[in-house]
Amino acid sequence: MAWYRNFYHCTDCGTHWEDEWSCCCDDECPVCGSGDWSPYESEDLTFLVEKEDGQFVVWESPIGAEDGPNYSRVAVAPSAHGARSYITYRQAAYWG
């Protein structure tokens, strides 16, 4: 998988923040600067689905994404179910 929104909590100062990156990595608190906070939750944003002209467009962040998701249009499906099926197929390809 290639793009995540990570959610963090600093127990030193109580700050909550989120950050997007190509992995579920540790981060520094943006308020007090204490570091090495692991995300308590991560949202996989590798695939996005947008409705466009009555169809469902699947966007994918490539495996090599680092500083940004660099989404590419990879599929168009006639239904939301078809878009989800394509994503399931692609996820299986990642994990073998």
PDB file of N, CA and C in Angstrom:
ATOM      1  N   MET A   1       0.830  -1.177   0.000  1.00  0.00           N
ATOM      2  CA  MET A   1       0.000   0.000   0.000  1.00  0.00           C
ATOM      3  C   MET A   1       0.872   1.236   0.000  1.00  0.00           C
ATOM      4  N   ALA A   2       0.322   2.358  -0.473  1.00  0.00           N
ATOM      5  CA  ALA A   2       1.212   3.471  -0.738  1.00  0.00           C
ATOM      6  C   ALA A   2       0.843   4.809  -0.103  1.00  0.00           C
ATOM      7  N   TRP A   3      -0.300   4.986   0.504  1.00  0.00           N
ATOM      8  CA  TRP A   3      -0.592   6.291   1.088  1.00  0.00           C
ATOM      9  C   TRP A   3      -1.520   6.154   2.297  1.00  0.00           C
ATOM     10  N   TYR A   4      -1.157   6.839   3.385  1.00  0.00           N
ATOM     11  CA  TYR A   4      -1.896   6.725   4.640  1.00  0.00           C
ATOM     12  C   TYR A   4      -2.127   8.080   5.286  1.00  0.00           C
ATOM     13  N   ARG A   5      -3.230   8.210   5.999  1.00  0.00           N
ATOM     14  CA  ARG A   5      -3.448   9.314   6.928  1.00  0.00           C
ATOM     15  C   ARG A   5      -3.253   8.707   8.314  1.00  0.00           C
ATOM     16  N   ASN A   6      -2.249   9.208   9.029  1.00  0.00           N
ATOM     17  CA  ASN A   6      -1.911   8.699  10.355  1.00  0.00           C
ATOM     18  C   ASN A   6      -2.420   9.660  11.430  1.00  0.00           C
ATOM     19  N   PHE A   7      -2.944   9.091  12.502  1.00  0.00           N
ATOM     20  CA  PHE A   7      -3.480   9.878  13.613  1.00  0.00           C
ATOM     21  C   PHE A   7      -2.603   9.656  14.841  1.00  0.00           C
ATOM     22  N   TYR A   8      -2.213  10.772  15.476  1.00  0.00           N
ATOM     23  CA  TYR A   8      -1.263  10.731  16.585  1.00  0.00           C
ATOM     24  C   TYR A   8      -1.823  11.428  17.816  1.00  0.00           C
ATOM     25  N   HIS A   9      -1.249  11.074  18.972  1.00  0.00           N
ATOM     26  CA  HIS A   9      -1.549  11.751  20.232  1.00  0.00           C
ATOM     27  C   HIS A   9      -0.265  11.833  21.045  1.00  0.00           C
ATOM     28  N   CYS A  10       0.088  13.049  21.446  1.00  0.00           N
ATOM     29  CA  CYS A  10       1.269  13.275  22.280  1.00  0.00           C
ATOM     30  C   CYS A  10       0.825  13.277  23.742  1.00  0.00           C
ATOM     31  N   THR A  11       1.307  12.324  24.507  1.00  0.00           N
ATOM     32  CA  THR A  11       0.931  12.281  25.927  1.00  0.00           C
ATOM     33  C   THR A  11       1.736  13.282  26.757  1.00  0.00           C
ATOM     34  N   ASP A  12       2.783  13.870  26.167  1.00  0.00           N
ATOM     35  CA  ASP A  12       3.555  14.887  26.885  1.00  0.00           C
ATOM     36  C   ASP A  12       2.767  16.191  27.034  1.00  0.00           C
ATOM     37  N   CYS A  13       2.088  16.619  25.951  1.00  0.00           N
ATOM     38  CA  CYS A  13       1.362  17.896  26.011  1.00  0.00           C
ATOM     39  C   CYS A  13      -0.128  17.766  25.676  1.00  0.00           C
ATOM     40  N   GLY A  14      -0.569  16.564  25.282  1.00  0.00           N
ATOM     41  CA  GLY A  14      -1.991  16.338  25.000  1.00  0.00           C
ATOM     42  C   GLY A  14      -2.448  16.664  23.591  1.00  0.00           C
ATOM     43  N   THR A  15      -1.532  17.029  22.711  1.00  0.00           N
ATOM     44  CA  THR A  15      -1.887  17.405  21.339  1.00  0.00           C
ATOM     45  C   THR A  15      -2.282  16.182  20.511  1.00  0.00           C
ATOM     46  N   HIS A  16      -3.336  16.346  19.718  1.00  0.00           N
ATOM     47  CA  HIS A  16      -3.746  15.361  18.712  1.00  0.00           C
ATOM     48  C   HIS A  16      -3.453  15.975  17.353  1.00  0.00           C
ATOM     49  N   TRP A  17      -2.928  15.185  16.421  1.00  0.00           N
ATOM     50  CA  TRP A  17      -2.702  15.672  15.065  1.00  0.00           C
ATOM     51  C   TRP A  17      -2.759  14.510  14.094  1.00  0.00           C
ATOM     52  N   GLU A  18      -2.821  14.859  12.827  1.00  0.00           N
ATOM     53  CA  GLU A  18      -2.796  13.850  11.764  1.00  0.00           C
ATOM     54  C   GLU A  18      -1.810  14.295  10.701  1.00  0.00           C
ATOM     55  N   ASP A  19      -1.298  13.318   9.980  1.00  0.00           N
ATOM     56  CA  ASP A  19      -0.323  13.583   8.941  1.00  0.00           C
ATOM     57  C   ASP A  19      -0.482  12.496   7.881  1.00  0.00           C
ATOM     58  N   GLU A  20      -0.261  12.848   6.637  1.00  0.00           N
ATOM     59  CA  GLU A  20      -0.328  11.866   5.553  1.00  0.00           C
ATOM     60  C   GLU A  20       1.081  11.547   5.083  1.00  0.00           C
ATOM     61  N   TRP A  21       1.305  10.250   4.843  1.00  0.00           N
ATOM     62  CA  TRP A  21       2.615   9.824   4.381  1.00  0.00           C
ATOM     63  C   TRP A  21       2.492   8.468   3.693  1.00  0.00           C
ATOM     64  N   SER A  22       3.587   8.004   3.110  1.00  0.00           N
ATOM     65  CA  SER A  22       3.581   6.753   2.352  1.00  0.00           C
ATOM     66  C   SER A  22       3.728   5.522   3.239  1.00  0.00           C
ATOM     67  N   CYS A  23       3.761   5.699   4.550  1.00  0.00           N
ATOM     68  CA  CYS A  23       3.839   4.572   5.479  1.00  0.00           C
ATOM     69  C   CYS A  23       3.229   4.998   6.814  1.00  0.00           C
ATOM     70  N   CYS A  24       3.127   4.063   7.711  1.00  0.00           N
ATOM     71  CA  CYS A  24       2.597   4.345   9.053  1.00  0.00           C
ATOM     72  C   CYS A  24       3.778   4.613   9.977  1.00  0.00           C
ATOM     73  N   CYS A  25       4.396   5.773   9.798  1.00  0.00           N
ATOM     74  CA  CYS A  25       5.655   6.072  10.478  1.00  0.00           C
ATOM     75  C   CYS A  25       5.453   6.903  11.740  1.00  0.00           C
ATOM     76  N   ASP A  26       6.481   6.912  12.580  1.00  0.00           N
ATOM     77  CA  ASP A  26       6.477   7.742  13.779  1.00  0.00           C
ATOM     78  C   ASP A  26       6.617   9.208  13.364  1.00  0.00           C
ATOM     79  N   ASP A  27       6.176  10.106  14.268  1.00  0.00           N
ATOM     80  CA  ASP A  27       6.198  11.530  13.968  1.00  0.00           C
ATOM     81  C   ASP A  27       6.538  12.314  15.227  1.00  0.00           C
ATOM     82  N   GLU A  28       6.900  13.581  15.042  1.00  0.00           N
ATOM     83  CA  GLU A  28       7.154  14.480  16.156  1.00  0.00           C
ATOM     84  C   GLU A  28       5.917  15.332  16.413  1.00  0.00           C
ATOM     85  N   CYS A  29       5.679  15.645  17.667  1.00  0.00           N
ATOM     86  CA  CYS A  29       4.563  16.505  18.042  1.00  0.00           C
ATOM     87  C   CYS A  29       4.785  17.902  17.454  1.00  0.00           C
ATOM     88  N   PRO A  30       3.792  18.449  16.747  1.00  0.00           N
ATOM     89  CA  PRO A  30       3.955  19.769  16.143  1.00  0.00           C
ATOM     90  C   PRO A  30       3.913  20.908  17.166  1.00  0.00           C
ATOM     91  N   VAL A  31       3.498  20.619  18.404  1.00  0.00           N
ATOM     92  CA  VAL A  31       3.393  21.660  19.424  1.00  0.00           C
ATOM     93  C   VAL A  31       4.611  21.686  20.339  1.00  0.00           C
ATOM     94  N   CYS A  32       4.958  20.538  20.936  1.00  0.00           N
ATOM     95  CA  CYS A  32       6.052  20.533  21.910  1.00  0.00           C
ATOM     96  C   CYS A  32       7.346  19.932  21.374  1.00  0.00           C
ATOM     97  N   GLY A  33       7.288  19.301  20.200  1.00  0.00           N
ATOM     98  CA  GLY A  33       8.488  18.775  19.571  1.00  0.00           C
ATOM     99  C   GLY A  33       8.951  17.417  20.064  1.00  0.00           C
ATOM    100  N   SER A  34       8.259  16.838  21.042  1.00  0.00           N
ATOM    101  CA  SER A  34       8.685  15.504  21.476  1.00  0.00           C
ATOM    102  C   SER A  34       8.454  14.529  20.331  1.00  0.00           C
ATOM    103  N   GLY A  35       9.322  13.531  20.241  1.00  0.00           N
ATOM    104  CA  GLY A  35       9.296  12.705  19.037  1.00  0.00           C
ATOM    105  C   GLY A  35       9.027  11.244  19.249  1.00  0.00           C
ATOM    106  N   ASP A  36       9.049  10.564  18.124  1.00  0.00           N
ATOM    107  CA  ASP A  36       8.867   9.120  18.045  1.00  0.00           C
ATOM    108  C   ASP A  36       7.491   8.657  18.484  1.00  0.00           C
ATOM    109  N   TRP A  37       6.457   9.452  18.151  1.00  0.00           N
ATOM    110  CA  TRP A  37       5.087   9.038  18.448  1.00  0.00           C
ATOM    111  C   TRP A  37       4.584   8.164  17.309  1.00  0.00           C
ATOM    112  N   SER A  38       4.152   6.967  17.658  1.00  0.00           N
ATOM    113  CA  SER A  38       3.573   6.055  16.665  1.00  0.00           C
ATOM    114  C   SER A  38       2.105   6.402  16.482  1.00  0.00           C
ATOM    115  N   PRO A  39       1.574   6.214  15.269  1.00  0.00           N
ATOM    116  CA  PRO A  39       0.156   6.491  15.070  1.00  0.00           C
ATOM    117  C   PRO A  39      -0.701   5.514  15.876  1.00  0.00           C
ATOM    118  N   TYR A  40      -1.758   6.028  16.479  1.00  0.00           N
ATOM    119  CA  TYR A  40      -2.698   5.150  17.182  1.00  0.00           C
ATOM    120  C   TYR A  40      -3.743   4.604  16.222  1.00  0.00           C
ATOM    121  N   GLU A  41      -3.811   5.219  15.023  1.00  0.00           N
ATOM    122  CA  GLU A  41      -4.730   4.753  13.983  1.00  0.00           C
ATOM    123  C   GLU A  41      -4.190   5.242  12.643  1.00  0.00           C
ATOM    124  N   SER A  42      -4.412   4.472  11.597  1.00  0.00           N
ATOM    125  CA  SER A  42      -4.020   4.874  10.248  1.00  0.00           C
ATOM    126  C   SER A  42      -5.157   4.551   9.290  1.00  0.00           C
ATOM    127  N   GLU A  43      -5.409   5.469   8.386  1.00  0.00           N
ATOM    128  CA  GLU A  43      -6.439   5.291   7.368  1.00  0.00           C
ATOM    129  C   GLU A  43      -5.742   5.068   6.030  1.00  0.00           C
ATOM    130  N   ASP A  44      -6.043   3.975   5.379  1.00  0.00           N
ATOM    131  CA  ASP A  44      -5.435   3.655   4.092  1.00  0.00           C
ATOM    132  C   ASP A  44      -6.095   4.499   3.002  1.00  0.00           C
ATOM    133  N   LEU A  45      -5.309   5.370   2.394  1.00  0.00           N
ATOM    134  CA  LEU A  45      -5.791   6.239   1.321  1.00  0.00           C
ATOM    135  C   LEU A  45      -5.178   5.873  -0.028  1.00  0.00           C
ATOM    136  N   THR A  46      -4.679   4.651  -0.146  1.00  0.00           N
ATOM    137  CA  THR A  46      -4.034   4.227  -1.385  1.00  0.00           C
ATOM    138  C   THR A  46      -5.000   4.316  -2.558  1.00  0.00           C
ATOM    139  N   PHE A  47      -6.270   3.976  -2.335  1.00  0.00           N
ATOM    140  CA  PHE A  47      -7.279   4.029  -3.383  1.00  0.00           C
ATOM    141  C   PHE A  47      -8.365   5.031  -3.008  1.00  0.00           C
ATOM    142  N   LEU A  48      -8.775   5.815  -3.984  1.00  0.00           N
ATOM    143  CA  LEU A  48      -9.909   6.726  -3.830  1.00  0.00           C
ATOM    144  C   LEU A  48     -10.895   6.429  -4.940  1.00  0.00           C
ATOM    145  N   VAL A  49     -12.174   6.593  -4.640  1.00  0.00           N
ATOM    146  CA  VAL A  49     -13.216   6.413  -5.644  1.00  0.00           C
ATOM    147  C   VAL A  49     -14.009   7.705  -5.718  1.00  0.00           C
ATOM    148  N   GLU A  50     -14.174   8.225  -6.922  1.00  0.00           N
ATOM    149  CA  GLU A  50     -14.955   9.437  -7.139  1.00  0.00           C
ATOM    150  C   GLU A  50     -16.001   9.174  -8.209  1.00  0.00           C
ATOM    151  N   LYS A  51     -17.202   9.675  -7.954  1.00  0.00           N
ATOM    152  CA  LYS A  51     -18.260   9.552  -8.948  1.00  0.00           C
ATOM    153  C   LYS A  51     -18.063  10.657  -9.985  1.00  0.00           C
ATOM    154  N   GLU A  52     -18.085  10.251 -11.252  1.00  0.00           N
ATOM    155  CA  GLU A  52     -17.836  11.185 -12.345  1.00  0.00           C
ATOM    156  C   GLU A  52     -18.703  10.794 -13.542  1.00  0.00           C
ATOM    157  N   ASP A  53     -19.579  11.662 -13.958  1.00  0.00           N
ATOM    158  CA  ASP A  53     -20.456  11.415 -15.112  1.00  0.00           C
ATOM    159  C   ASP A  53     -21.203  10.095 -15.003  1.00  0.00           C
ATOM    160  N   GLY A  54     -21.703   9.784 -13.815  1.00  0.00           N
ATOM    161  CA  GLY A  54     -22.498   8.573 -13.610  1.00  0.00           C
ATOM    162  C   GLY A  54     -21.682   7.298 -13.467  1.00  0.00           C
ATOM    163  N   GLN A  55     -20.365   7.402 -13.516  1.00  0.00           N
ATOM    164  CA  GLN A  55     -19.507   6.237 -13.335  1.00  0.00           C
ATOM    165  C   GLN A  55     -18.621   6.462 -12.116  1.00  0.00           C
ATOM    166  N   PHE A  56     -17.887   5.423 -11.732  1.00  0.00           N
ATOM    167  CA  PHE A  56     -17.042   5.481 -10.547  1.00  0.00           C
ATOM    168  C   PHE A  56     -15.583   5.313 -10.957  1.00  0.00           C
ATOM    169  N   VAL A  57     -14.813   6.374 -10.756  1.00  0.00           N
ATOM    170  CA  VAL A  57     -13.408   6.399 -11.150  1.00  0.00           C
ATOM    171  C   VAL A  57     -12.562   5.980  -9.957  1.00  0.00           C
ATOM    172  N   VAL A  58     -11.653   5.044 -10.189  1.00  0.00           N
ATOM    173  CA  VAL A  58     -10.737   4.571  -9.152  1.00  0.00           C
ATOM    174  C   VAL A  58      -9.388   5.234  -9.375  1.00  0.00           C
ATOM    175  N   TRP A  59      -8.873   5.872  -8.324  1.00  0.00           N
ATOM    176  CA  TRP A  59      -7.558   6.500  -8.320  1.00  0.00           C
ATOM    177  C   TRP A  59      -6.658   5.710  -7.391  1.00  0.00           C
ATOM    178  N   GLU A  60      -5.405   5.527  -7.795  1.00  0.00           N
ATOM    179  CA  GLU A  60      -4.462   4.745  -6.982  1.00  0.00           C
ATOM    180  C   GLU A  60      -3.166   5.531  -6.780  1.00  0.00           C
ATOM    181  N   SER A  61      -2.700   5.512  -5.535  1.00  0.00           N
ATOM    182  CA  SER A  61      -1.393   6.074  -5.225  1.00  0.00           C
ATOM    183  C   SER A  61      -0.360   4.976  -5.470  1.00  0.00           C
ATOM    184  N   PRO A  62       0.654   5.242  -6.289  1.00  0.00           N
ATOM    185  CA  PRO A  62       1.607   4.184  -6.626  1.00  0.00           C
ATOM    186  C   PRO A  62       2.505   3.799  -5.452  1.00  0.00           C
ATOM    187  N   ILE A  63       3.042   2.613  -5.517  1.00  0.00           N
ATOM    188  CA  ILE A  63       3.921   2.089  -4.461  1.00  0.00           C
ATOM    189  C   ILE A  63       5.089   3.017  -4.189  1.00  0.00           C
ATOM    190  N   GLY A  64       5.580   3.735  -5.168  1.00  0.00           N
ATOM    191  CA  GLY A  64       6.734   4.605  -4.984  1.00  0.00           C
ATOM    192  C   GLY A  64       6.419   5.993  -4.447  1.00  0.00           C
ATOM    193  N   ALA A  65       5.154   6.272  -4.116  1.00  0.00           N
ATOM    194  CA  ALA A  65       4.790   7.598  -3.601  1.00  0.00           C
ATOM    195  C   ALA A  65       5.558   7.877  -2.313  1.00  0.00           C
ATOM    196  N   GLU A  66       6.089   9.084  -2.203  1.00  0.00           N
ATOM    197  CA  GLU A  66       6.838   9.439  -0.992  1.00  0.00           C
ATOM    198  C   GLU A  66       6.352  10.755  -0.406  1.00  0.00           C
ATOM    199  N   ASP A  67       6.514  11.862  -1.133  1.00  0.00           N
ATOM    200  CA  ASP A  67       6.154  13.170  -0.606  1.00  0.00           C
ATOM    201  C   ASP A  67       4.705  13.558  -0.874  1.00  0.00           C
ATOM    202  N   GLY A  68       4.027  12.819  -1.709  1.00  0.00           N
ATOM    203  CA  GLY A  68       2.633  13.074  -2.042  1.00  0.00           C
ATOM    204  C   GLY A  68       2.032  11.821  -2.621  1.00  0.00           C
ATOM    205  N   PRO A  69       0.712  11.722  -2.648  1.00  0.00           N
ATOM    206  CA  PRO A  69       0.093  10.485  -3.106  1.00  0.00           C
ATOM    207  C   PRO A  69       0.269  10.216  -4.600  1.00  0.00           C
ATOM    208  N   ASN A  70       0.459  11.253  -5.411  1.00  0.00           N
ATOM    209  CA  ASN A  70       0.677  11.088  -6.861  1.00  0.00           C
ATOM    210  C   ASN A  70      -0.361  10.164  -7.499  1.00  0.00           C
ATOM    211  N   TYR A  71      -1.634  10.392  -7.188  1.00  0.00           N
ATOM    212  CA  TYR A  71      -2.706   9.532  -7.684  1.00  0.00           C
ATOM    213  C   TYR A  71      -2.749   9.461  -9.200  1.00  0.00           C
ATOM    214  N   SER A  72      -3.035   8.253  -9.684  1.00  0.00           N
ATOM    215  CA  SER A  72      -3.255   8.008 -11.106  1.00  0.00           C
ATOM    216  C   SER A  72      -4.627   7.366 -11.270  1.00  0.00           C
ATOM    217  N   ARG A  73      -5.294   7.748 -12.323  1.00  0.00           N
ATOM    218  CA  ARG A  73      -6.590   7.139 -12.663  1.00  0.00           C
ATOM    219  C   ARG A  73      -6.303   5.742 -13.197  1.00  0.00           C
ATOM    220  N   VAL A  74      -6.840   4.700 -12.537  1.00  0.00           N
ATOM    221  CA  VAL A  74      -6.512   3.335 -12.932  1.00  0.00           C
ATOM    222  C   VAL A  74      -7.699   2.521 -13.422  1.00  0.00           C
ATOM    223  N   ALA A  75      -8.910   2.960 -13.140  1.00  0.00           N
ATOM    224  CA  ALA A  75     -10.071   2.177 -13.569  1.00  0.00           C
ATOM    225  C   ALA A  75     -11.327   3.045 -13.544  1.00  0.00           C
ATOM    226  N   VAL A  76     -12.290   2.641 -14.352  1.00  0.00           N
ATOM    227  CA  VAL A  76     -13.615   3.252 -14.346  1.00  0.00           C
ATOM    228  C   VAL A  76     -14.615   2.113 -14.275  1.00  0.00           C
ATOM    229  N   ALA A  77     -15.540   2.207 -13.344  1.00  0.00           N
ATOM    230  CA  ALA A  77     -16.535   1.146 -13.161  1.00  0.00           C
ATOM    231  C   ALA A  77     -17.940   1.744 -13.259  1.00  0.00           C
ATOM    232  N   PRO A  78     -18.908   0.948 -13.691  1.00  0.00           N
ATOM    233  CA  PRO A  78     -20.275   1.455 -13.812  1.00  0.00           C
ATOM    234  C   PRO A  78     -21.002   1.560 -12.469  1.00  0.00           C
ATOM    235  N   SER A  79     -20.425   0.950 -11.417  1.00  0.00           N
ATOM    236  CA  SER A  79     -21.086   0.969 -10.107  1.00  0.00           C
ATOM    237  C   SER A  79     -20.040   1.087  -8.995  1.00  0.00           C
ATOM    238  N   ALA A  80     -20.496   1.505  -7.824  1.00  0.00           N
ATOM    239  CA  ALA A  80     -19.611   1.565  -6.656  1.00  0.00           C
ATOM    240  C   ALA A  80     -19.117   0.162  -6.320  1.00  0.00           C
ATOM    241  N   HIS A  81     -19.977  -0.824  -6.458  1.00  0.00           N
ATOM    242  CA  HIS A  81     -19.585  -2.211  -6.199  1.00  0.00           C
ATOM    243  C   HIS A  81     -18.450  -2.642  -7.138  1.00  0.00           C
ATOM    244  N   GLY A  82     -18.556  -2.283  -8.405  1.00  0.00           N
ATOM    245  CA  GLY A  82     -17.510  -2.617  -9.364  1.00  0.00           C
ATOM    246  C   GLY A  82     -16.190  -1.947  -9.004  1.00  0.00           C
ATOM    247  N   ALA A  83     -16.248  -0.701  -8.537  1.00  0.00           N
ATOM    248  CA  ALA A  83     -15.036   0.007  -8.124  1.00  0.00           C
ATOM    249  C   ALA A  83     -14.406  -0.685  -6.921  1.00  0.00           C
ATOM    250  N   ARG A  84     -15.233  -1.070  -5.938  1.00  0.00           N
ATOM    251  CA  ARG A  84     -14.717  -1.772  -4.752  1.00  0.00           C
ATOM    252  C   ARG A  84     -14.123  -3.126  -5.133  1.00  0.00           C
ATOM    253  N   SER A  85     -14.744  -3.819  -6.094  1.00  0.00           N
ATOM    254  CA  SER A  85     -14.216  -5.107  -6.550  1.00  0.00           C
ATOM    255  C   SER A  85     -12.838  -4.931  -7.175  1.00  0.00           C
ATOM    256  N   TYR A  86     -12.667  -3.883  -7.962  1.00  0.00           N
ATOM    257  CA  TYR A  86     -11.361  -3.611  -8.557  1.00  0.00           C
ATOM    258  C   TYR A  86     -10.320  -3.355  -7.465  1.00  0.00           C
ATOM    259  N   ILE A  87     -10.679  -2.573  -6.460  1.00  0.00           N
ATOM    260  CA  ILE A  87      -9.753  -2.273  -5.364  1.00  0.00           C
ATOM    261  C   ILE A  87      -9.374  -3.548  -4.621  1.00  0.00           C
ATOM    262  N   THR A  88     -10.328  -4.407  -4.366  1.00  0.00           N
ATOM    263  CA  THR A  88     -10.053  -5.683  -3.699  1.00  0.00           C
ATOM    264  C   THR A  88      -9.069  -6.514  -4.522  1.00  0.00           C
ATOM    265  N   TYR A  89      -9.260  -6.527  -5.826  1.00  0.00           N
ATOM    266  CA  TYR A  89      -8.354  -7.251  -6.730  1.00  0.00           C
ATOM    267  C   TYR A  89      -6.942  -6.674  -6.646  1.00  0.00           C
ATOM    268  N   ARG A  90      -6.811  -5.347  -6.675  1.00  0.00           N
ATOM    269  CA  ARG A  90      -5.497  -4.691  -6.633  1.00  0.00           C
ATOM    270  C   ARG A  90      -4.820  -4.918  -5.277  1.00  0.00           C
ATOM    271  N   GLN A  91      -5.603  -4.869  -4.199  1.00  0.00           N
ATOM    272  CA  GLN A  91      -5.021  -5.121  -2.866  1.00  0.00           C
ATOM    273  C   GLN A  91      -4.478  -6.534  -2.784  1.00  0.00           C
ATOM    274  N   ALA A  92      -5.174  -7.495  -3.364  1.00  0.00           N
ATOM    275  CA  ALA A  92      -4.692  -8.880  -3.378  1.00  0.00           C
ATOM    276  C   ALA A  92      -3.384  -8.988  -4.153  1.00  0.00           C
ATOM    277  N   ALA A  93      -3.255  -8.187  -5.210  1.00  0.00           N
ATOM    278  CA  ALA A  93      -2.009  -8.192  -5.992  1.00  0.00           C
ATOM    279  C   ALA A  93      -0.838  -7.668  -5.157  1.00  0.00           C
ATOM    280  N   TYR A  94      -1.096  -6.683  -4.302  1.00  0.00           N
ATOM    281  CA  TYR A  94      -0.040  -6.161  -3.420  1.00  0.00           C
ATOM    282  C   TYR A  94       0.432  -7.221  -2.445  1.00  0.00           C
ATOM    283  N   TRP A  95      -0.526  -7.927  -1.852  1.00  0.00           N
ATOM    284  CA  TRP A  95      -0.221  -8.838  -0.737  1.00  0.00           C
ATOM    285  C   TRP A  95      -0.017 -10.278  -1.184  1.00  0.00           C
ATOM    286  N   GLY A  96      -0.212 -10.537  -2.483  1.00  0.00           N
ATOM    287  CA  GLY A  96       0.060 -11.856  -3.042  1.00  0.00           C
ATOM    288  C   GLY A  96      -0.875 -12.876  -2.573  1.00  0.00           C
TER     289      GLY A  96
END
